[in-house]
Amino acid sequence: MNNKISEKIRNGYNLDLGKLIEDCFEIYKKIFLIAGLGYLLISIFFAALYFFILIIAFGASNMAQWAIELQETRTSAIYIISISIISIIVSAIVAPINAGFLKLCLQAKNKQQLQINTLFEYFKSKYIKDIILGSIVVTLTTLIFNLFLERMGLVLLVYIVHYIATVFFILFLPLVIFSEQNFSDALKNSVLLVAKKPLPIFLAILIAVIGMFVGLIAICIGIFFTLPIINAMAFSIYDNIVGVEEYNVLDEIGQVEGE
C-alpha cells in the first residue's frame, strides 16, 4: 500500500470530479440516517458537557458576564492559552469519532451492517495515538494562523485558511486507518497527494459543504443528517485516489487492542 501511495505521489493519478460526486452520494444515501443520529447524539453530549462546565466554573448567573469578558480579552495571553487547550481537548475527542465515520463509509461500500458503535471503535484501536497526534498538529497549526490573521484584522482569510487546511489534510485520517501510516507520514502524504490534483478535490469538498448546509433549511436539525456528506466525500476522495479495495476486513481482527 505504501509503495502504491509513493508511486501516485511521484507519477500523479487520474481523478474525475463527476465520479467523486457520484461515489459520495452513493455512500451518503446508505449512511445518512445512522451517521446523522450519531452526530445528533454527539452534539447533545458536547453541548451538555459545555454548559455543565460553565455552570460549575462560573455559576449560572455569571455566564452572561463571562461571555462579555471573553470577547474583551480575545487578544490576551490567557485567552490564547485557554482556546489552545480547549482546541486540543476537543480535537483529541472528535478525531477518533471522525475515523469511525470513515469506517462507517467503508462498511456501507462493502454492504456490511451499519452500527452506531462503529463511530467509537477507534478510541481503543492501535491507531489512536496517530489519530490524536496528527489531529492536534492540524488543529494547532490552523489555530496559530487564525489567531495571527485575527490580530491583523484579516477575518475573511481565517475562513480561507481553514478551508485550505481542510482540503490538504482531507486524506490524513484515511491514510492512518486504511493505509496504516503514522501521523507524520499521513500528514505529509495527504498534502503531497492533494497537491497533485488540488482543483477537483477543492471543488468536491466545496460541493459537499454546500450540500451539508442544505440541512439548515430543515429547521436547523436537518444539518445533523447532511453533515455525513462531508465524511462520505472524504472517503470517496481517498477511495478514488488510493483505493480501499486492498483494505482487508480480516485485518480488523488485530486492529483493536485486546480483542
C-alpha atoms as a PDB file:
ATOM      1  CA  MET A   1       0.000   0.000   0.000  1.00  0.00           C
ATOM      2  CA  ASN A   2       2.801   2.450   0.892  1.00  0.00           C
ATOM      3  CA  ASN A   3       4.538   1.698  -2.421  1.00  0.00           C
ATOM      4  CA  LYS A   4       1.285   2.439  -4.223  1.00  0.00           C
ATOM      5  CA  ILE A   5       0.971   5.782  -2.445  1.00  0.00           C
ATOM      6  CA  SER A   6       4.594   6.705  -3.204  1.00  0.00           C
ATOM      7  CA  GLU A   7       4.029   5.886  -6.870  1.00  0.00           C
ATOM      8  CA  LYS A   8       0.982   8.152  -7.019  1.00  0.00           C
ATOM      9  CA  ILE A   9       2.926  10.956  -5.362  1.00  0.00           C
ATOM     10  CA  ARG A  10       5.697  10.592  -7.957  1.00  0.00           C
ATOM     11  CA  ASN A  11       3.622   9.981 -11.087  1.00  0.00           C
ATOM     12  CA  GLY A  12       0.257  11.508 -10.252  1.00  0.00           C
ATOM     13  CA  TYR A  13      -3.171   9.926 -10.746  1.00  0.00           C
ATOM     14  CA  ASN A  14      -6.469  10.386 -12.559  1.00  0.00           C
ATOM     15  CA  LEU A  15      -9.340  11.920 -10.621  1.00  0.00           C
ATOM     16  CA  ASP A  16     -12.767  12.587 -12.089  1.00  0.00           C
ATOM     17  CA  LEU A  17     -14.949  15.121 -10.261  1.00  0.00           C
ATOM     18  CA  GLY A  18     -18.151  13.556 -11.583  1.00  0.00           C
ATOM     19  CA  LYS A  19     -17.201  10.123 -10.233  1.00  0.00           C
ATOM     20  CA  LEU A  20     -16.220  11.637  -6.884  1.00  0.00           C
ATOM     21  CA  ILE A  21     -19.661  13.205  -6.540  1.00  0.00           C
ATOM     22  CA  GLU A  22     -21.422  10.033  -7.688  1.00  0.00           C
ATOM     23  CA  ASP A  23     -19.486   7.805  -5.269  1.00  0.00           C
ATOM     24  CA  CYS A  24     -20.005  10.295  -2.446  1.00  0.00           C
ATOM     25  CA  PHE A  25     -23.784  10.334  -2.825  1.00  0.00           C
ATOM     26  CA  GLU A  26     -23.942   6.535  -3.121  1.00  0.00           C
ATOM     27  CA  ILE A  27     -22.189   6.242   0.239  1.00  0.00           C
ATOM     28  CA  TYR A  28     -24.159   9.117   1.751  1.00  0.00           C
ATOM     29  CA  LYS A  29     -27.520   7.525   0.883  1.00  0.00           C
ATOM     30  CA  LYS A  30     -26.520   4.461   2.891  1.00  0.00           C
ATOM     31  CA  ILE A  31     -25.121   6.180   5.982  1.00  0.00           C
ATOM     32  CA  PHE A  32     -27.059   9.423   6.438  1.00  0.00           C
ATOM     33  CA  LEU A  33     -29.632   8.080   8.914  1.00  0.00           C
ATOM     34  CA  ILE A  34     -27.299   6.287  11.303  1.00  0.00           C
ATOM     35  CA  ALA A  35     -24.494   8.850  10.875  1.00  0.00           C
ATOM     36  CA  GLY A  36     -26.965  11.705  11.368  1.00  0.00           C
ATOM     37  CA  LEU A  37     -28.186  10.102  14.568  1.00  0.00           C
ATOM     38  CA  GLY A  38     -24.567   9.791  15.652  1.00  0.00           C
ATOM     39  CA  TYR A  39     -23.930  13.480  15.014  1.00  0.00           C
ATOM     40  CA  LEU A  40     -27.093  14.401  16.923  1.00  0.00           C
ATOM     41  CA  LEU A  41     -26.155  12.326  19.978  1.00  0.00           C
ATOM     42  CA  ILE A  42     -22.559  13.574  19.963  1.00  0.00           C
ATOM     43  CA  SER A  43     -23.706  17.201  19.679  1.00  0.00           C
ATOM     44  CA  ILE A  44     -26.123  16.797  22.588  1.00  0.00           C
ATOM     45  CA  PHE A  45     -23.333  15.294  24.690  1.00  0.00           C
ATOM     46  CA  PHE A  46     -20.871  18.104  23.920  1.00  0.00           C
ATOM     47  CA  ALA A  47     -23.491  20.819  24.459  1.00  0.00           C
ATOM     48  CA  ALA A  48     -24.461  19.353  27.834  1.00  0.00           C
ATOM     49  CA  LEU A  49     -20.806  18.979  28.836  1.00  0.00           C
ATOM     50  CA  TYR A  50     -20.028  22.553  27.756  1.00  0.00           C
ATOM     51  CA  PHE A  51     -22.839  24.109  29.789  1.00  0.00           C
ATOM     52  CA  PHE A  52     -22.130  21.857  32.766  1.00  0.00           C
ATOM     53  CA  ILE A  53     -18.502  23.008  32.866  1.00  0.00           C
ATOM     54  CA  LEU A  54     -19.523  26.664  32.514  1.00  0.00           C
ATOM     55  CA  ILE A  55     -22.083  26.410  35.310  1.00  0.00           C
ATOM     56  CA  ILE A  56     -19.596  24.668  37.606  1.00  0.00           C
ATOM     57  CA  ALA A  57     -16.849  27.173  36.802  1.00  0.00           C
ATOM     58  CA  PHE A  58     -18.810  30.434  36.743  1.00  0.00           C
ATOM     59  CA  GLY A  59     -22.311  29.778  38.054  1.00  0.00           C
ATOM     60  CA  ALA A  60     -25.485  30.139  36.022  1.00  0.00           C
ATOM     61  CA  SER A  61     -25.929  33.808  36.936  1.00  0.00           C
ATOM     62  CA  ASN A  62     -22.407  34.791  35.838  1.00  0.00           C
ATOM     63  CA  MET A  63     -22.355  33.082  32.433  1.00  0.00           C
ATOM     64  CA  ALA A  64     -23.534  36.171  30.514  1.00  0.00           C
ATOM     65  CA  GLN A  65     -20.892  38.352  32.154  1.00  0.00           C
ATOM     66  CA  TRP A  66     -18.240  35.736  31.416  1.00  0.00           C
ATOM     67  CA  ALA A  67     -19.200  35.724  27.721  1.00  0.00           C
ATOM     68  CA  ILE A  68     -18.826  39.521  27.572  1.00  0.00           C
ATOM     69  CA  GLU A  69     -15.442  39.425  29.307  1.00  0.00           C
ATOM     70  CA  LEU A  70     -14.272  36.672  26.966  1.00  0.00           C
ATOM     71  CA  GLN A  71     -14.927  38.853  23.919  1.00  0.00           C
ATOM     72  CA  GLU A  72     -12.992  41.706  25.532  1.00  0.00           C
ATOM     73  CA  THR A  73      -9.920  39.532  26.159  1.00  0.00           C
ATOM     74  CA  ARG A  74      -9.649  37.819  22.743  1.00  0.00           C
ATOM     75  CA  THR A  75      -6.119  39.125  22.246  1.00  0.00           C
ATOM     76  CA  SER A  76      -4.841  38.329  25.743  1.00  0.00           C
ATOM     77  CA  ALA A  77      -2.372  35.547  26.503  1.00  0.00           C
ATOM     78  CA  ILE A  78      -4.893  33.880  28.825  1.00  0.00           C
ATOM     79  CA  TYR A  79      -7.460  33.727  26.019  1.00  0.00           C
ATOM     80  CA  ILE A  80      -4.958  32.281  23.535  1.00  0.00           C
ATOM     81  CA  ILE A  81      -3.750  29.643  26.006  1.00  0.00           C
ATOM     82  CA  SER A  82      -7.317  28.750  27.011  1.00  0.00           C
ATOM     83  CA  ILE A  83      -8.559  28.416  23.439  1.00  0.00           C
ATOM     84  CA  SER A  84      -5.491  26.315  22.569  1.00  0.00           C
ATOM     85  CA  ILE A  85      -6.108  23.901  25.450  1.00  0.00           C
ATOM     86  CA  ILE A  86      -9.807  23.621  24.609  1.00  0.00           C
ATOM     87  CA  SER A  87      -8.995  23.038  20.923  1.00  0.00           C
ATOM     88  CA  ILE A  88      -6.536  20.265  21.788  1.00  0.00           C
ATOM     89  CA  ILE A  89      -9.049  18.514  24.052  1.00  0.00           C
ATOM     90  CA  VAL A  90     -11.883  18.763  21.525  1.00  0.00           C
ATOM     91  CA  SER A  91      -9.607  17.600  18.703  1.00  0.00           C
ATOM     92  CA  ALA A  92      -8.450  14.590  20.735  1.00  0.00           C
ATOM     93  CA  ILE A  93     -12.068  13.562  21.351  1.00  0.00           C
ATOM     94  CA  VAL A  94     -13.511  14.302  17.912  1.00  0.00           C
ATOM     95  CA  ALA A  95     -10.730  12.836  15.730  1.00  0.00           C
ATOM     96  CA  PRO A  96     -11.337   9.163  16.660  1.00  0.00           C
ATOM     97  CA  ILE A  97     -15.067   9.714  16.091  1.00  0.00           C
ATOM     98  CA  ASN A  98     -14.343  11.119  12.621  1.00  0.00           C
ATOM     99  CA  ALA A  99     -12.284   8.000  11.954  1.00  0.00           C
ATOM    100  CA  GLY A 100     -15.338   5.992  12.978  1.00  0.00           C
ATOM    101  CA  PHE A 101     -17.448   7.858  10.422  1.00  0.00           C
ATOM    102  CA  LEU A 102     -14.938   6.863   7.728  1.00  0.00           C
ATOM    103  CA  LYS A 103     -15.151   3.248   8.881  1.00  0.00           C
ATOM    104  CA  LEU A 104     -18.930   3.535   8.569  1.00  0.00           C
ATOM    105  CA  CYS A 105     -18.448   4.636   4.948  1.00  0.00           C
ATOM    106  CA  LEU A 106     -16.254   1.595   4.320  1.00  0.00           C
ATOM    107  CA  GLN A 107     -18.915  -0.699   5.772  1.00  0.00           C
ATOM    108  CA  ALA A 108     -21.521   0.957   3.546  1.00  0.00           C
ATOM    109  CA  LYS A 109     -19.380   0.386   0.461  1.00  0.00           C
ATOM    110  CA  ASN A 110     -18.860  -3.257   1.427  1.00  0.00           C
ATOM    111  CA  LYS A 111     -22.612  -3.635   2.112  1.00  0.00           C
ATOM    112  CA  GLN A 112     -21.963  -4.580   5.724  1.00  0.00           C
ATOM    113  CA  GLN A 113     -24.354  -3.949   8.583  1.00  0.00           C
ATOM    114  CA  LEU A 114     -24.068  -0.390   9.899  1.00  0.00           C
ATOM    115  CA  GLN A 115     -23.915   0.084  13.665  1.00  0.00           C
ATOM    116  CA  ILE A 116     -23.632   3.307  15.635  1.00  0.00           C
ATOM    117  CA  ASN A 117     -20.945   1.832  17.916  1.00  0.00           C
ATOM    118  CA  THR A 118     -18.634   1.828  14.873  1.00  0.00           C
ATOM    119  CA  LEU A 119     -18.212   5.565  15.490  1.00  0.00           C
ATOM    120  CA  PHE A 120     -16.377   4.863  18.748  1.00  0.00           C
ATOM    121  CA  GLU A 121     -14.233   1.880  17.675  1.00  0.00           C
ATOM    122  CA  TYR A 122     -11.041   3.854  17.197  1.00  0.00           C
ATOM    123  CA  PHE A 123     -10.852   5.006  20.807  1.00  0.00           C
ATOM    124  CA  LYS A 124      -9.466   1.547  21.590  1.00  0.00           C
ATOM    125  CA  SER A 125      -7.634   0.848  18.325  1.00  0.00           C
ATOM    126  CA  LYS A 126      -3.920   0.638  17.665  1.00  0.00           C
ATOM    127  CA  TYR A 127      -4.233   3.815  15.571  1.00  0.00           C
ATOM    128  CA  ILE A 128      -5.450   6.027  18.421  1.00  0.00           C
ATOM    129  CA  LYS A 129      -2.060   7.674  19.096  1.00  0.00           C
ATOM    130  CA  ASP A 130      -1.515   8.661  15.463  1.00  0.00           C
ATOM    131  CA  ILE A 131      -5.126   9.785  15.036  1.00  0.00           C
ATOM    132  CA  ILE A 132      -4.910  12.118  18.038  1.00  0.00           C
ATOM    133  CA  LEU A 133      -1.369  13.428  17.457  1.00  0.00           C
ATOM    134  CA  GLY A 134      -1.991  14.213  13.789  1.00  0.00           C
ATOM    135  CA  SER A 135      -5.286  15.925  14.542  1.00  0.00           C
ATOM    136  CA  ILE A 136      -3.671  18.055  17.244  1.00  0.00           C
ATOM    137  CA  VAL A 137      -0.920  19.111  14.816  1.00  0.00           C
ATOM    138  CA  VAL A 138      -3.523  20.190  12.242  1.00  0.00           C
ATOM    139  CA  THR A 139      -5.643  21.945  14.880  1.00  0.00           C
ATOM    140  CA  LEU A 140      -2.765  23.899  16.423  1.00  0.00           C
ATOM    141  CA  THR A 141      -1.275  24.837  13.042  1.00  0.00           C
ATOM    142  CA  THR A 142      -4.620  26.169  11.839  1.00  0.00           C
ATOM    143  CA  LEU A 143      -5.256  27.895  15.172  1.00  0.00           C
ATOM    144  CA  ILE A 144      -1.914  29.729  15.096  1.00  0.00           C
ATOM    145  CA  PHE A 145      -2.610  31.052  11.594  1.00  0.00           C
ATOM    146  CA  ASN A 146      -6.166  32.013  12.547  1.00  0.00           C
ATOM    147  CA  LEU A 147      -5.137  33.910  15.687  1.00  0.00           C
ATOM    148  CA  PHE A 148      -2.443  35.757  13.739  1.00  0.00           C
ATOM    149  CA  LEU A 149      -4.892  36.714  10.980  1.00  0.00           C
ATOM    150  CA  GLU A 150      -7.492  37.834  13.534  1.00  0.00           C
ATOM    151  CA  ARG A 151      -4.937  40.105  15.160  1.00  0.00           C
ATOM    152  CA  MET A 152      -4.171  41.578  11.740  1.00  0.00           C
ATOM    153  CA  GLY A 153      -7.881  42.180  11.174  1.00  0.00           C
ATOM    154  CA  LEU A 154      -7.970  39.751   8.223  1.00  0.00           C
ATOM    155  CA  VAL A 155     -11.055  37.848   9.355  1.00  0.00           C
ATOM    156  CA  LEU A 156     -12.018  36.670   5.856  1.00  0.00           C
ATOM    157  CA  LEU A 157      -8.627  34.991   5.489  1.00  0.00           C
ATOM    158  CA  VAL A 158      -9.362  32.953   8.630  1.00  0.00           C
ATOM    159  CA  TYR A 159     -12.082  31.073   6.749  1.00  0.00           C
ATOM    160  CA  ILE A 160      -9.883  30.692   3.676  1.00  0.00           C
ATOM    161  CA  VAL A 161      -7.012  29.239   5.717  1.00  0.00           C
ATOM    162  CA  HIS A 162      -9.396  26.839   7.459  1.00  0.00           C
ATOM    163  CA  TYR A 163     -10.765  25.643   4.108  1.00  0.00           C
ATOM    164  CA  ILE A 164      -7.292  25.208   2.602  1.00  0.00           C
ATOM    165  CA  ALA A 165      -6.253  23.148   5.643  1.00  0.00           C
ATOM    166  CA  THR A 166      -9.381  21.005   5.238  1.00  0.00           C
ATOM    167  CA  VAL A 167      -8.542  20.366   1.572  1.00  0.00           C
ATOM    168  CA  PHE A 168      -4.881  19.479   2.014  1.00  0.00           C
ATOM    169  CA  PHE A 169      -5.347  17.325   5.131  1.00  0.00           C
ATOM    170  CA  ILE A 170      -8.518  15.578   3.908  1.00  0.00           C
ATOM    171  CA  LEU A 171      -6.592  12.313   3.392  1.00  0.00           C
ATOM    172  CA  PHE A 172      -4.853  12.305   6.783  1.00  0.00           C
ATOM    173  CA  LEU A 173      -7.344  10.118   8.685  1.00  0.00           C
ATOM    174  CA  PRO A 174      -7.938   7.585   5.871  1.00  0.00           C
ATOM    175  CA  LEU A 175      -4.183   7.216   5.403  1.00  0.00           C
ATOM    176  CA  VAL A 176      -3.826   6.390   9.105  1.00  0.00           C
ATOM    177  CA  ILE A 177      -6.705   3.928   9.459  1.00  0.00           C
ATOM    178  CA  PHE A 178      -6.781   2.366   5.982  1.00  0.00           C
ATOM    179  CA  SER A 179      -3.124   2.606   4.882  1.00  0.00           C
ATOM    180  CA  GLU A 180      -1.709   2.189   8.406  1.00  0.00           C
ATOM    181  CA  GLN A 181       0.628   5.179   8.175  1.00  0.00           C
ATOM    182  CA  ASN A 182       1.929   7.014  11.212  1.00  0.00           C
ATOM    183  CA  PHE A 183       0.646  10.536  11.787  1.00  0.00           C
ATOM    184  CA  SER A 184       3.686  12.348  10.335  1.00  0.00           C
ATOM    185  CA  ASP A 185       3.713  10.282   7.127  1.00  0.00           C
ATOM    186  CA  ALA A 186      -0.063  10.583   6.803  1.00  0.00           C
ATOM    187  CA  LEU A 187       0.043  14.379   7.152  1.00  0.00           C
ATOM    188  CA  LYS A 188       2.902  14.708   4.677  1.00  0.00           C
ATOM    189  CA  ASN A 189       1.420  12.295   2.138  1.00  0.00           C
ATOM    190  CA  SER A 190      -2.010  13.888   2.381  1.00  0.00           C
ATOM    191  CA  VAL A 191      -0.515  17.235   1.352  1.00  0.00           C
ATOM    192  CA  LEU A 192       1.576  15.666  -1.424  1.00  0.00           C
ATOM    193  CA  LEU A 193      -1.326  13.653  -2.853  1.00  0.00           C
ATOM    194  CA  VAL A 194      -3.764  16.563  -2.793  1.00  0.00           C
ATOM    195  CA  ALA A 195      -1.133  18.816  -4.399  1.00  0.00           C
ATOM    196  CA  LYS A 196      -1.228  16.564  -7.480  1.00  0.00           C
ATOM    197  CA  LYS A 197      -4.937  17.292  -8.131  1.00  0.00           C
ATOM    198  CA  PRO A 198      -5.983  20.229  -5.939  1.00  0.00           C
ATOM    199  CA  LEU A 199      -8.756  21.633  -8.155  1.00  0.00           C
ATOM    200  CA  PRO A 200     -11.115  18.611  -8.333  1.00  0.00           C
ATOM    201  CA  ILE A 201     -10.585  17.933  -4.621  1.00  0.00           C
ATOM    202  CA  PHE A 202     -11.226  21.603  -3.803  1.00  0.00           C
ATOM    203  CA  LEU A 203     -14.446  21.564  -5.842  1.00  0.00           C
ATOM    204  CA  ALA A 204     -15.583  18.191  -4.469  1.00  0.00           C
ATOM    205  CA  ILE A 205     -15.263  19.371  -0.866  1.00  0.00           C
ATOM    206  CA  LEU A 206     -16.965  22.666  -1.742  1.00  0.00           C
ATOM    207  CA  ILE A 207     -19.926  20.780  -3.234  1.00  0.00           C
ATOM    208  CA  ALA A 208     -20.109  18.612  -0.105  1.00  0.00           C
ATOM    209  CA  VAL A 209     -20.050  21.701   2.138  1.00  0.00           C
ATOM    210  CA  ILE A 210     -22.871  23.287   0.132  1.00  0.00           C
ATOM    211  CA  GLY A 211     -24.820  20.038   0.407  1.00  0.00           C
ATOM    212  CA  MET A 212     -24.225  19.996   4.151  1.00  0.00           C
ATOM    213  CA  PHE A 213     -25.724  23.463   4.618  1.00  0.00           C
ATOM    214  CA  VAL A 214     -28.906  22.372   2.863  1.00  0.00           C
ATOM    215  CA  GLY A 215     -29.747  20.817   6.241  1.00  0.00           C
ATOM    216  CA  LEU A 216     -30.192  24.278   7.722  1.00  0.00           C
ATOM    217  CA  ILE A 217     -33.372  24.625   5.656  1.00  0.00           C
ATOM    218  CA  ALA A 218     -34.956  21.793   7.652  1.00  0.00           C
ATOM    219  CA  ILE A 219     -35.337  23.854  10.857  1.00  0.00           C
ATOM    220  CA  CYS A 220     -31.589  23.520  11.546  1.00  0.00           C
ATOM    221  CA  ILE A 221     -31.870  19.976  12.933  1.00  0.00           C
ATOM    222  CA  GLY A 222     -31.523  18.677   9.383  1.00  0.00           C
ATOM    223  CA  ILE A 223     -27.874  19.723   9.482  1.00  0.00           C
ATOM    224  CA  PHE A 224     -27.134  16.609  11.549  1.00  0.00           C
ATOM    225  CA  PHE A 225     -28.322  14.445   8.670  1.00  0.00           C
ATOM    226  CA  THR A 226     -26.489  16.384   5.958  1.00  0.00           C
ATOM    227  CA  LEU A 227     -23.195  16.570   7.897  1.00  0.00           C
ATOM    228  CA  PRO A 228     -22.330  12.953   6.942  1.00  0.00           C
ATOM    229  CA  ILE A 229     -21.921  14.072   3.322  1.00  0.00           C
ATOM    230  CA  ILE A 230     -18.553  15.530   4.366  1.00  0.00           C
ATOM    231  CA  ASN A 231     -17.429  12.131   5.672  1.00  0.00           C
ATOM    232  CA  ALA A 232     -18.750  10.425   2.545  1.00  0.00           C
ATOM    233  CA  MET A 233     -16.808  12.839   0.342  1.00  0.00           C
ATOM    234  CA  ALA A 234     -13.582  12.389   2.345  1.00  0.00           C
ATOM    235  CA  PHE A 235     -13.960   8.620   1.988  1.00  0.00           C
ATOM    236  CA  SER A 236     -14.706   8.887  -1.749  1.00  0.00           C
ATOM    237  CA  ILE A 237     -11.672  11.103  -2.351  1.00  0.00           C
ATOM    238  CA  TYR A 238      -9.422   8.575  -0.613  1.00  0.00           C
ATOM    239  CA  ASP A 239     -11.073   5.643  -2.381  1.00  0.00           C
ATOM    240  CA  ASN A 240     -10.655   7.254  -5.804  1.00  0.00           C
ATOM    241  CA  ILE A 241      -7.033   8.227  -5.190  1.00  0.00           C
ATOM    242  CA  VAL A 242      -5.612   5.343  -3.153  1.00  0.00           C
ATOM    243  CA  GLY A 243      -8.428   2.787  -3.092  1.00  0.00           C
ATOM    244  CA  VAL A 244      -9.839   0.741  -0.243  1.00  0.00           C
ATOM    245  CA  GLU A 245     -10.079  -2.449  -2.257  1.00  0.00           C
ATOM    246  CA  GLU A 246      -6.780  -3.558  -0.718  1.00  0.00           C
ATOM    247  CA  TYR A 247      -8.082  -2.945   2.802  1.00  0.00           C
ATOM    248  CA  ASN A 248      -8.629  -6.450   4.126  1.00  0.00           C
ATOM    249  CA  VAL A 249     -11.512  -6.672   6.592  1.00  0.00           C
ATOM    250  CA  LEU A 250      -9.738  -9.657   8.130  1.00  0.00           C
ATOM    251  CA  ASP A 251      -7.037  -7.226   9.283  1.00  0.00           C
ATOM    252  CA  GLU A 252      -9.614  -5.793  11.659  1.00  0.00           C
ATOM    253  CA  ILE A 253      -9.094  -8.830  13.886  1.00  0.00           C
ATOM    254  CA  GLY A 254      -5.845  -7.246  15.043  1.00  0.00           C
ATOM    255  CA  GLN A 255      -6.993  -3.685  14.730  1.00  0.00           C
ATOM    256  CA  VAL A 256      -8.449  -3.301  18.201  1.00  0.00           C
ATOM    257  CA  GLU A 257      -6.069  -3.879  21.058  1.00  0.00           C
ATOM    258  CA  GLY A 258      -7.043  -6.598  23.403  1.00  0.00           C
ATOM    259  CA  GLU A 259      -9.582  -8.154  21.085  1.00  0.00           C
END
